[in-house]
PDB file of N, CA and C in Angstrom:
ATOM      1  N   MET A   1      -8.824  -3.961  -1.505  1.00  0.00           N
ATOM      2  CA  MET A   1      -7.802  -3.603  -0.526  1.00  0.00           C
ATOM      3  C   MET A   1      -7.340  -2.181  -0.806  1.00  0.00           C
ATOM      4  N   ASN A   2      -7.284  -1.372   0.246  1.00  0.00           N
ATOM      5  CA  ASN A   2      -6.772  -0.011   0.176  1.00  0.00           C
ATOM      6  C   ASN A   2      -5.470   0.028   0.969  1.00  0.00           C
ATOM      7  N   ARG A   3      -4.397   0.481   0.296  1.00  0.00           N
ATOM      8  CA  ARG A   3      -3.087   0.453   0.928  1.00  0.00           C
ATOM      9  C   ARG A   3      -2.308   1.697   0.539  1.00  0.00           C
ATOM     10  N   GLY A   4      -1.591   2.258   1.512  1.00  0.00           N
ATOM     11  CA  GLY A   4      -0.754   3.416   1.247  1.00  0.00           C
ATOM     12  C   GLY A   4      -0.038   3.853   2.511  1.00  0.00           C
ATOM     13  N   ARG A   5       0.556   5.046   2.442  1.00  0.00           N
ATOM     14  CA  ARG A   5       1.247   5.583   3.612  1.00  0.00           C
ATOM     15  C   ARG A   5       1.483   7.071   3.445  1.00  0.00           C
ATOM     16  N   ILE A   6       1.695   7.692   4.587  1.00  0.00           N
ATOM     17  CA  ILE A   6       2.148   9.076   4.640  1.00  0.00           C
ATOM     18  C   ILE A   6       3.490   9.016   5.344  1.00  0.00           C
ATOM     19  N   GLN A   7       4.506   9.611   4.715  1.00  0.00           N
ATOM     20  CA  GLN A   7       5.875   9.386   5.168  1.00  0.00           C
ATOM     21  C   GLN A   7       6.668  10.674   5.214  1.00  0.00           C
ATOM     22  N   ALA A   8       7.437  10.835   6.291  1.00  0.00           N
ATOM     23  CA  ALA A   8       8.399  11.942   6.411  1.00  0.00           C
ATOM     24  C   ALA A   8       9.772  11.390   6.069  1.00  0.00           C
ATOM     25  N   GLN A   9      10.486  12.083   5.184  1.00  0.00           N
ATOM     26  CA  GLN A   9      11.797  11.616   4.740  1.00  0.00           C
ATOM     27  C   GLN A   9      12.790  12.762   4.688  1.00  0.00           C
ATOM     28  N   GLY A  10      14.046  12.393   4.668  1.00  0.00           N
ATOM     29  CA  GLY A  10      15.129  13.338   4.443  1.00  0.00           C
ATOM     30  C   GLY A  10      15.813  13.788   5.715  1.00  0.00           C
ATOM     31  N   ASN A  11      17.075  14.152   5.576  1.00  0.00           N
ATOM     32  CA  ASN A  11      17.881  14.653   6.681  1.00  0.00           C
ATOM     33  C   ASN A  11      17.964  13.623   7.808  1.00  0.00           C
ATOM     34  N   GLY A  12      18.060  12.334   7.440  1.00  0.00           N
ATOM     35  CA  GLY A  12      18.173  11.270   8.426  1.00  0.00           C
ATOM     36  C   GLY A  12      16.853  10.775   8.991  1.00  0.00           C
ATOM     37  N   THR A  13      15.748  11.293   8.497  1.00  0.00           N
ATOM     38  CA  THR A  13      14.426  10.902   8.985  1.00  0.00           C
ATOM     39  C   THR A  13      13.758   9.984   7.979  1.00  0.00           C
ATOM     40  N   GLU A  14      13.169   8.913   8.470  1.00  0.00           N
ATOM     41  CA  GLU A  14      12.316   8.051   7.648  1.00  0.00           C
ATOM     42  C   GLU A  14      11.268   7.439   8.570  1.00  0.00           C
ATOM     43  N   LYS A  15      10.170   8.143   8.716  1.00  0.00           N
ATOM     44  CA  LYS A  15       9.067   7.707   9.569  1.00  0.00           C
ATOM     45  C   LYS A  15       7.801   7.707   8.734  1.00  0.00           C
ATOM     46  N   SER A  16       6.925   6.725   8.979  1.00  0.00           N
ATOM     47  CA  SER A  16       5.722   6.658   8.161  1.00  0.00           C
ATOM     48  C   SER A  16       4.528   6.186   8.969  1.00  0.00           C
ATOM     49  N   GLU A  17       3.372   6.473   8.418  1.00  0.00           N
ATOM     50  CA  GLU A  17       2.086   6.055   8.963  1.00  0.00           C
ATOM     51  C   GLU A  17       1.359   5.319   7.841  1.00  0.00           C
ATOM     52  N   PRO A  18       1.496   3.983   7.808  1.00  0.00           N
ATOM     53  CA  PRO A  18       0.888   3.202   6.725  1.00  0.00           C
ATOM     54  C   PRO A  18      -0.556   2.810   7.036  1.00  0.00           C
ATOM     55  N   TRP A  19      -1.274   2.422   5.981  1.00  0.00           N
ATOM     56  CA  TRP A  19      -2.585   1.814   6.163  1.00  0.00           C
ATOM     57  C   TRP A  19      -2.741   0.672   5.174  1.00  0.00           C
ATOM     58  N   ALA A  20      -3.491  -0.338   5.591  1.00  0.00           N
ATOM     59  CA  ALA A  20      -3.863  -1.469   4.734  1.00  0.00           C
ATOM     60  C   ALA A  20      -5.238  -1.915   5.222  1.00  0.00           C
ATOM     61  N   LEU A  21      -6.248  -1.605   4.433  1.00  0.00           N
ATOM     62  CA  LEU A  21      -7.629  -1.827   4.839  1.00  0.00           C
ATOM     63  C   LEU A  21      -8.400  -2.596   3.784  1.00  0.00           C
ATOM     64  N   SER A  22      -9.317  -3.405   4.235  1.00  0.00           N
ATOM     65  CA  SER A  22     -10.232  -4.059   3.302  1.00  0.00           C
ATOM     66  C   SER A  22     -11.518  -3.248   3.162  1.00  0.00           C
ATOM     67  N   THR A  23     -11.611  -2.141   3.910  1.00  0.00           N
ATOM     68  CA  THR A  23     -12.777  -1.257   3.863  1.00  0.00           C
ATOM     69  C   THR A  23     -12.382   0.074   3.224  1.00  0.00           C
ATOM     70  N   ASP A  24     -13.346   0.974   3.093  1.00  0.00           N
ATOM     71  CA  ASP A  24     -13.073   2.295   2.526  1.00  0.00           C
ATOM     72  C   ASP A  24     -12.075   3.070   3.387  1.00  0.00           C
ATOM     73  N   HIS A  25     -11.288   3.897   2.731  1.00  0.00           N
ATOM     74  CA  HIS A  25     -10.339   4.781   3.421  1.00  0.00           C
ATOM     75  C   HIS A  25     -10.856   6.206   3.265  1.00  0.00           C
ATOM     76  N   PHE A  26     -11.343   6.774   4.361  1.00  0.00           N
ATOM     77  CA  PHE A  26     -12.001   8.078   4.341  1.00  0.00           C
ATOM     78  C   PHE A  26     -11.023   9.222   4.612  1.00  0.00           C
ATOM     79  N   LYS A  27     -11.474  10.440   4.291  1.00  0.00           N
ATOM     80  CA  LYS A  27     -10.648  11.631   4.508  1.00  0.00           C
ATOM     81  C   LYS A  27     -10.226  11.769   5.963  1.00  0.00           C
ATOM     82  N   HIS A  28     -11.157  11.546   6.898  1.00  0.00           N
ATOM     83  CA  HIS A  28     -10.800  11.716   8.312  1.00  0.00           C
ATOM     84  C   HIS A  28      -9.718  10.720   8.724  1.00  0.00           C
ATOM     85  N   MET A  29      -9.659   9.577   8.078  1.00  0.00           N
ATOM     86  CA  MET A  29      -8.609   8.604   8.365  1.00  0.00           C
ATOM     87  C   MET A  29      -7.262   9.116   7.864  1.00  0.00           C
ATOM     88  N   GLY A  30      -7.274   9.779   6.720  1.00  0.00           N
ATOM     89  CA  GLY A  30      -6.051  10.373   6.190  1.00  0.00           C
ATOM     90  C   GLY A  30      -5.522  11.475   7.084  1.00  0.00           C
ATOM     91  N   ILE A  31      -6.433  12.325   7.585  1.00  0.00           N
ATOM     92  CA  ILE A  31      -6.023  13.400   8.494  1.00  0.00           C
ATOM     93  C   ILE A  31      -5.444  12.800   9.775  1.00  0.00           C
ATOM     94  N   THR A  32      -6.064  11.742  10.280  1.00  0.00           N
ATOM     95  CA  THR A  32      -5.540  11.065  11.467  1.00  0.00           C
ATOM     96  C   THR A  32      -4.144  10.508  11.203  1.00  0.00           C
ATOM     97  N   SER A  33      -3.913   9.985  10.003  1.00  0.00           N
ATOM     98  CA  SER A  33      -2.580   9.477   9.649  1.00  0.00           C
ATOM     99  C   SER A  33      -1.546  10.591   9.664  1.00  0.00           C
ATOM    100  N   VAL A  34      -1.908  11.764   9.129  1.00  0.00           N
ATOM    101  CA  VAL A  34      -0.980  12.910   9.162  1.00  0.00           C
ATOM    102  C   VAL A  34      -0.703  13.306  10.608  1.00  0.00           C
ATOM    103  N   ASP A  35      -1.750  13.365  11.425  1.00  0.00           N
ATOM    104  CA  ASP A  35      -1.571  13.725  12.839  1.00  0.00           C
ATOM    105  C   ASP A  35      -0.682  12.713  13.561  1.00  0.00           C
ATOM    106  N   ASN A  36      -0.883  11.424  13.282  1.00  0.00           N
ATOM    107  CA  ASN A  36      -0.060  10.385  13.906  1.00  0.00           C
ATOM    108  C   ASN A  36       1.399  10.481  13.459  1.00  0.00           C
ATOM    109  N   LEU A  37       1.615  10.782  12.185  1.00  0.00           N
ATOM    110  CA  LEU A  37       2.981  10.968  11.700  1.00  0.00           C
ATOM    111  C   LEU A  37       3.618  12.166  12.395  1.00  0.00           C
ATOM    112  N   GLN A  38       2.884  13.245  12.497  1.00  0.00           N
ATOM    113  CA  GLN A  38       3.401  14.441  13.161  1.00  0.00           C
ATOM    114  C   GLN A  38       3.817  14.118  14.600  1.00  0.00           C
ATOM    115  N   ALA A  39       3.035  13.306  15.290  1.00  0.00           N
ATOM    116  CA  ALA A  39       3.341  12.932  16.668  1.00  0.00           C
ATOM    117  C   ALA A  39       4.624  12.099  16.773  1.00  0.00           C
ATOM    118  N   GLN A  40       4.998  11.406  15.701  1.00  0.00           N
ATOM    119  CA  GLN A  40       6.231  10.603  15.697  1.00  0.00           C
ATOM    120  C   GLN A  40       7.484  11.456  15.558  1.00  0.00           C
ATOM    121  N   LEU A  41       7.346  12.668  15.035  1.00  0.00           N
ATOM    122  CA  LEU A  41       8.499  13.500  14.718  1.00  0.00           C
ATOM    123  C   LEU A  41       9.035  14.206  15.954  1.00  0.00           C
ATOM    124  N   THR A  42      10.360  14.311  16.025  1.00  0.00           N
ATOM    125  CA  THR A  42      10.988  15.112  17.075  1.00  0.00           C
ATOM    126  C   THR A  42      10.792  16.584  16.726  1.00  0.00           C
ATOM    127  N   ASN A  43      11.035  17.467  17.686  1.00  0.00           N
ATOM    128  CA  ASN A  43      10.873  18.897  17.408  1.00  0.00           C
ATOM    129  C   ASN A  43      11.735  19.372  16.238  1.00  0.00           C
ATOM    130  N   PRO A  44      13.030  18.989  16.166  1.00  0.00           N
ATOM    131  CA  PRO A  44      13.813  19.414  14.997  1.00  0.00           C
ATOM    132  C   PRO A  44      13.260  18.881  13.668  1.00  0.00           C
ATOM    133  N   GLU A  45      12.776  17.639  13.664  1.00  0.00           N
ATOM    134  CA  GLU A  45      12.191  17.068  12.441  1.00  0.00           C
ATOM    135  C   GLU A  45      10.909  17.798  12.070  1.00  0.00           C
ATOM    136  N   LEU A  46      10.120  18.140  13.071  1.00  0.00           N
ATOM    137  CA  LEU A  46       8.854  18.830  12.842  1.00  0.00           C
ATOM    138  C   LEU A  46       9.059  20.237  12.294  1.00  0.00           C
ATOM    139  N   VAL A  47      10.039  20.944  12.821  1.00  0.00           N
ATOM    140  CA  VAL A  47      10.313  22.311  12.356  1.00  0.00           C
ATOM    141  C   VAL A  47      10.580  22.338  10.854  1.00  0.00           C
ATOM    142  N   LEU A  48      11.249  21.305  10.354  1.00  0.00           N
ATOM    143  CA  LEU A  48      11.588  21.245   8.929  1.00  0.00           C
ATOM    144  C   LEU A  48      10.413  20.818   8.047  1.00  0.00           C
ATOM    145  N   ARG A  49       9.280  20.381   8.667  1.00  0.00           N
ATOM    146  CA  ARG A  49       8.174  19.817   7.887  1.00  0.00           C
ATOM    147  C   ARG A  49       6.800  20.368   8.257  1.00  0.00           C
ATOM    148  N   THR A  50       6.737  21.423   9.041  1.00  0.00           N
ATOM    149  CA  THR A  50       5.449  21.959   9.504  1.00  0.00           C
ATOM    150  C   THR A  50       4.538  22.323   8.338  1.00  0.00           C
ATOM    151  N   ASN A  51       5.040  23.066   7.385  1.00  0.00           N
ATOM    152  CA  ASN A  51       4.223  23.470   6.235  1.00  0.00           C
ATOM    153  C   ASN A  51       3.888  22.276   5.346  1.00  0.00           C
ATOM    154  N   ALA A  52       4.819  21.356   5.189  1.00  0.00           N
ATOM    155  CA  ALA A  52       4.572  20.167   4.359  1.00  0.00           C
ATOM    156  C   ALA A  52       3.443  19.324   4.956  1.00  0.00           C
ATOM    157  N   LEU A  53       3.399  19.190   6.270  1.00  0.00           N
ATOM    158  CA  LEU A  53       2.325  18.435   6.915  1.00  0.00           C
ATOM    159  C   LEU A  53       0.976  19.118   6.678  1.00  0.00           C
ATOM    160  N   GLN A  54       0.950  20.451   6.765  1.00  0.00           N
ATOM    161  CA  GLN A  54      -0.304  21.161   6.519  1.00  0.00           C
ATOM    162  C   GLN A  54      -0.717  21.044   5.052  1.00  0.00           C
ATOM    163  N   GLN A  55       0.240  21.045   4.145  1.00  0.00           N
ATOM    164  CA  GLN A  55      -0.075  20.856   2.725  1.00  0.00           C
ATOM    165  C   GLN A  55      -0.688  19.473   2.496  1.00  0.00           C
ATOM    166  N   CYS A  56      -0.208  18.469   3.213  1.00  0.00           N
ATOM    167  CA  CYS A  56      -0.797  17.116   3.113  1.00  0.00           C
ATOM    168  C   CYS A  56      -2.244  17.136   3.581  1.00  0.00           C
ATOM    169  N   ARG A  57      -2.492  17.782   4.716  1.00  0.00           N
ATOM    170  CA  ARG A  57      -3.871  17.873   5.211  1.00  0.00           C
ATOM    171  C   ARG A  57      -4.766  18.568   4.188  1.00  0.00           C
ATOM    172  N   ASN A  58      -4.272  19.668   3.631  1.00  0.00           N
ATOM    173  CA  ASN A  58      -5.059  20.407   2.638  1.00  0.00           C
ATOM    174  C   ASN A  58      -5.348  19.549   1.413  1.00  0.00           C
ATOM    175  N   ARG A  59      -4.366  18.772   0.977  1.00  0.00           N
ATOM    176  CA  ARG A  59      -4.552  17.898  -0.201  1.00  0.00           C
ATOM    177  C   ARG A  59      -5.605  16.834   0.083  1.00  0.00           C
ATOM    178  N   ILE A  60      -5.543  16.243   1.249  1.00  0.00           N
ATOM    179  CA  ILE A  60      -6.524  15.222   1.614  1.00  0.00           C
ATOM    180  C   ILE A  60      -7.924  15.824   1.648  1.00  0.00           C
ATOM    181  N   LEU A  61      -8.062  16.972   2.292  1.00  0.00           N
ATOM    182  CA  LEU A  61      -9.384  17.595   2.423  1.00  0.00           C
ATOM    183  C   LEU A  61      -9.936  18.093   1.092  1.00  0.00           C
ATOM    184  N   SER A  62      -9.067  18.424   0.148  1.00  0.00           N
ATOM    185  CA  SER A  62      -9.521  18.935  -1.146  1.00  0.00           C
ATOM    186  C   SER A  62      -9.695  17.840  -2.202  1.00  0.00           C
ATOM    187  N   THR A  63      -9.449  16.602  -1.825  1.00  0.00           N
ATOM    188  CA  THR A  63      -9.635  15.481  -2.746  1.00  0.00           C
ATOM    189  C   THR A  63     -11.105  15.388  -3.154  1.00  0.00           C
ATOM    190  N   PRO A  64     -11.415  15.067  -4.407  1.00  0.00           N
ATOM    191  CA  PRO A  64     -12.818  14.897  -4.810  1.00  0.00           C
ATOM    192  C   PRO A  64     -13.527  13.870  -3.938  1.00  0.00           C
ATOM    193  N   SER A  65     -14.835  13.935  -3.894  1.00  0.00           N
ATOM    194  CA  SER A  65     -15.627  13.064  -3.014  1.00  0.00           C
ATOM    195  C   SER A  65     -15.363  11.581  -3.253  1.00  0.00           C
ATOM    196  N   TYR A  66     -15.002  11.209  -4.475  1.00  0.00           N
ATOM    197  CA  TYR A  66     -14.737   9.810  -4.800  1.00  0.00           C
ATOM    198  C   TYR A  66     -13.306   9.387  -4.476  1.00  0.00           C
ATOM    199  N   GLY A  67     -12.489  10.288  -3.954  1.00  0.00           N
ATOM    200  CA  GLY A  67     -11.131   9.970  -3.528  1.00  0.00           C
ATOM    201  C   GLY A  67     -10.120   9.970  -4.655  1.00  0.00           C
ATOM    202  N   VAL A  68      -8.952   9.426  -4.371  1.00  0.00           N
ATOM    203  CA  VAL A  68      -7.894   9.266  -5.372  1.00  0.00           C
ATOM    204  C   VAL A  68      -7.556   7.784  -5.489  1.00  0.00           C
ATOM    205  N   SER A  69      -7.285   7.361  -6.707  1.00  0.00           N
ATOM    206  CA  SER A  69      -6.989   5.951  -6.976  1.00  0.00           C
ATOM    207  C   SER A  69      -5.489   5.719  -7.025  1.00  0.00           C
ATOM    208  N   ALA A  70      -5.106   4.474  -6.753  1.00  0.00           N
ATOM    209  CA  ALA A  70      -3.706   4.079  -6.873  1.00  0.00           C
ATOM    210  C   ALA A  70      -3.348   4.094  -8.361  1.00  0.00           C
ATOM    211  N   GLN A  71      -2.241   4.307  -8.665  1.00  0.00           N
ATOM    212  CA  GLN A  71      -1.032   4.701  -8.021  1.00  0.00           C
ATOM    213  C   GLN A  71      -0.958   6.225  -7.979  1.00  0.00           C
ATOM    214  N   MET A  72      -0.821   6.750  -6.784  1.00  0.00           N
ATOM    215  CA  MET A  72      -0.656   8.190  -6.614  1.00  0.00           C
ATOM    216  C   MET A  72       0.453   8.420  -5.609  1.00  0.00           C
ATOM    217  N   LYS A  73       1.392   9.266  -5.974  1.00  0.00           N
ATOM    218  CA  LYS A  73       2.449   9.671  -5.059  1.00  0.00           C
ATOM    219  C   LYS A  73       2.667  11.156  -5.240  1.00  0.00           C
ATOM    220  N   LYS A  74       2.681  11.864  -4.117  1.00  0.00           N
ATOM    221  CA  LYS A  74       2.883  13.310  -4.156  1.00  0.00           C
ATOM    222  C   LYS A  74       3.756  13.697  -2.970  1.00  0.00           C
ATOM    223  N   SER A  75       4.732  14.560  -3.216  1.00  0.00           N
ATOM    224  CA  SER A  75       5.641  15.033  -2.176  1.00  0.00           C
ATOM    225  C   SER A  75       5.364  16.497  -1.865  1.00  0.00           C
ATOM    226  N   TYR A  76       5.543  16.852  -0.603  1.00  0.00           N
ATOM    227  CA  TYR A  76       5.329  18.224  -0.131  1.00  0.00           C
ATOM    228  C   TYR A  76       6.566  18.666   0.630  1.00  0.00           C
ATOM    229  N   TYR A  77       6.919  19.950   0.465  1.00  0.00           N
ATOM    230  CA  TYR A  77       8.162  20.485   1.008  1.00  0.00           C
ATOM    231  C   TYR A  77       7.891  21.782   1.754  1.00  0.00           C
ATOM    232  N   ASP A  78       8.704  22.041   2.774  1.00  0.00           N
ATOM    233  CA  ASP A  78       8.700  23.358   3.394  1.00  0.00           C
ATOM    234  C   ASP A  78       9.558  24.314   2.563  1.00  0.00           C
ATOM    235  N   ASP A  79      10.605  23.772   1.957  1.00  0.00           N
ATOM    236  CA  ASP A  79      11.545  24.581   1.178  1.00  0.00           C
ATOM    237  C   ASP A  79      11.863  23.830  -0.120  1.00  0.00           C
ATOM    238  N   PHE A  80      11.397  24.360  -1.250  1.00  0.00           N
ATOM    239  CA  PHE A  80      11.612  23.691  -2.539  1.00  0.00           C
ATOM    240  C   PHE A  80      13.093  23.587  -2.902  1.00  0.00           C
ATOM    241  N   ARG A  81      13.934  24.417  -2.294  1.00  0.00           N
ATOM    242  CA  ARG A  81      15.360  24.350  -2.583  1.00  0.00           C
ATOM    243  C   ARG A  81      16.003  23.130  -1.945  1.00  0.00           C
ATOM    244  N   ASN A  82      15.329  22.556  -0.922  1.00  0.00           N
ATOM    245  CA  ASN A  82      15.842  21.353  -0.270  1.00  0.00           C
ATOM    246  C   ASN A  82      14.777  20.270  -0.354  1.00  0.00           C
ATOM    247  N   ARG A  83      14.687  19.632  -1.506  1.00  0.00           N
ATOM    248  CA  ARG A  83      13.621  18.665  -1.783  1.00  0.00           C
ATOM    249  C   ARG A  83      13.831  17.308  -1.122  1.00  0.00           C
ATOM    250  N   LYS A  84      14.971  17.105  -0.494  1.00  0.00           N
ATOM    251  CA  LYS A  84      15.185  15.841   0.206  1.00  0.00           C
ATOM    252  C   LYS A  84      14.370  15.796   1.494  1.00  0.00           C
ATOM    253  N   ILE A  85      14.135  16.933   2.101  1.00  0.00           N
ATOM    254  CA  ILE A  85      13.345  17.007   3.337  1.00  0.00           C
ATOM    255  C   ILE A  85      11.902  17.223   2.922  1.00  0.00           C
ATOM    256  N   ARG A  86      11.071  16.191   3.157  1.00  0.00           N
ATOM    257  CA  ARG A  86       9.722  16.237   2.598  1.00  0.00           C
ATOM    258  C   ARG A  86       8.772  15.325   3.364  1.00  0.00           C
ATOM    259  N   VAL A  87       7.491  15.452   3.011  1.00  0.00           N
ATOM    260  CA  VAL A  87       6.448  14.535   3.462  1.00  0.00           C
ATOM    261  C   VAL A  87       5.752  14.029   2.209  1.00  0.00           C
ATOM    262  N   ASP A  88       5.618  12.712   2.098  1.00  0.00           N
ATOM    263  CA  ASP A  88       5.011  12.077   0.927  1.00  0.00           C
ATOM    264  C   ASP A  88       3.661  11.483   1.281  1.00  0.00           C
ATOM    265  N   ILE A  89       2.734  11.567   0.327  1.00  0.00           N
ATOM    266  CA  ILE A  89       1.497  10.794   0.381  1.00  0.00           C
ATOM    267  C   ILE A  89       1.599   9.766  -0.731  1.00  0.00           C
ATOM    268  N   GLU A  90       1.393   8.492  -0.384  1.00  0.00           N
ATOM    269  CA  GLU A  90       1.400   7.424  -1.371  1.00  0.00           C
ATOM    270  C   GLU A  90       0.115   6.608  -1.245  1.00  0.00           C
ATOM    271  N   VAL A  91      -0.593   6.458  -2.350  1.00  0.00           N
ATOM    272  CA  VAL A  91      -1.729   5.537  -2.423  1.00  0.00           C
ATOM    273  C   VAL A  91      -1.265   4.419  -3.345  1.00  0.00           C
ATOM    274  N   ASN A  92      -1.011   3.251  -2.774  1.00  0.00           N
ATOM    275  CA  ASN A  92      -0.403   2.151  -3.518  1.00  0.00           C
ATOM    276  C   ASN A  92      -1.404   1.150  -4.073  1.00  0.00           C
ATOM    277  N   ALA A  93      -2.588   1.068  -3.462  1.00  0.00           N
ATOM    278  CA  ALA A  93      -3.622   0.144  -3.932  1.00  0.00           C
ATOM    279  C   ALA A  93      -4.977   0.673  -3.507  1.00  0.00           C
ATOM    280  N   GLY A  94      -5.958   0.490  -4.367  1.00  0.00           N
ATOM    281  CA  GLY A  94      -7.319   0.884  -4.034  1.00  0.00           C
ATOM    282  C   GLY A  94      -7.574   2.373  -4.190  1.00  0.00           C
ATOM    283  N   VAL A  95      -8.442   2.894  -3.328  1.00  0.00           N
ATOM    284  CA  VAL A  95      -8.858   4.295  -3.351  1.00  0.00           C
ATOM    285  C   VAL A  95      -8.734   4.851  -1.937  1.00  0.00           C
ATOM    286  N   ALA A  96      -8.267   6.077  -1.822  1.00  0.00           N
ATOM    287  CA  ALA A  96      -8.109   6.702  -0.510  1.00  0.00           C
ATOM    288  C   ALA A  96      -8.741   8.085  -0.505  1.00  0.00           C
ATOM    289  N   PHE A  97      -9.066   8.531   0.680  1.00  0.00           N
ATOM    290  CA  PHE A  97      -9.540   9.892   0.960  1.00  0.00           C
ATOM    291  C   PHE A  97     -10.897  10.194   0.332  1.00  0.00           C
ATOM    292  N   ILE A  98     -11.802   9.210   0.388  1.00  0.00           N
ATOM    293  CA  ILE A  98     -13.156   9.494  -0.066  1.00  0.00           C
ATOM    294  C   ILE A  98     -13.870  10.300   1.012  1.00  0.00           C
ATOM    295  N   ASP A  99     -14.983  10.934   0.646  1.00  0.00           N
ATOM    296  CA  ASP A  99     -15.716  11.743   1.614  1.00  0.00           C
ATOM    297  C   ASP A  99     -16.094  10.934   2.833  1.00  0.00           C
ATOM    298  N   ASN A 100     -16.059  11.603   3.965  1.00  0.00           N
ATOM    299  CA  ASN A 100     -16.446  10.971   5.218  1.00  0.00           C
ATOM    300  C   ASN A 100     -17.914  10.554   5.165  1.00  0.00           C
ATOM    301  N   PRO A 101     -18.257   9.451   5.811  1.00  0.00           N
ATOM    302  CA  PRO A 101     -19.675   9.065   5.849  1.00  0.00           C
ATOM    303  C   PRO A 101     -20.492  10.123   6.553  1.00  0.00           C
ATOM    304  N   GLN A 102     -21.770  10.207   6.233  1.00  0.00           N
ATOM    305  CA  GLN A 102     -22.641  11.255   6.761  1.00  0.00           C
ATOM    306  C   GLN A 102     -22.706  11.262   8.274  1.00  0.00           C
ATOM    307  N   ASN A 103     -22.606  10.113   8.909  1.00  0.00           N
ATOM    308  CA  ASN A 103     -22.723  10.062  10.357  1.00  0.00           C
ATOM    309  C   ASN A 103     -21.395  10.260  11.076  1.00  0.00           C
ATOM    310  N   ASP A 104     -20.315  10.561  10.352  1.00  0.00           N
ATOM    311  CA  ASP A 104     -18.996  10.738  10.940  1.00  0.00           C
ATOM    312  C   ASP A 104     -18.400  12.045  10.450  1.00  0.00           C
ATOM    313  N   ASN A 105     -18.754  13.136  11.055  1.00  0.00           N
ATOM    314  CA  ASN A 105     -18.240  14.451  10.632  1.00  0.00           C
ATOM    315  C   ASN A 105     -17.045  14.806  11.393  1.00  0.00           C
TER     316      ASN A 105
END
């Protein structure tokens, strides 16, 4: 079982894009989760997290081919001085962000 979430938090926001799969969790699925989370955010929420969302995408894409194993939690910020406003990646079970299959680029 592969389980985790990408979550926007802080300043009254708590929105997430979870996954729970019995199959592999690929990088393109992680990017889709970030995109889906971004779509949930209002414009004011998005303005405070634009760079953090891109940092999440970069982290997913730069993950080794074998992915990352649970337990992994990493937070990303637009402004390090205000760490309450952030986007988190959590891998709670299994492995996430393995290389995309050859037939799915």
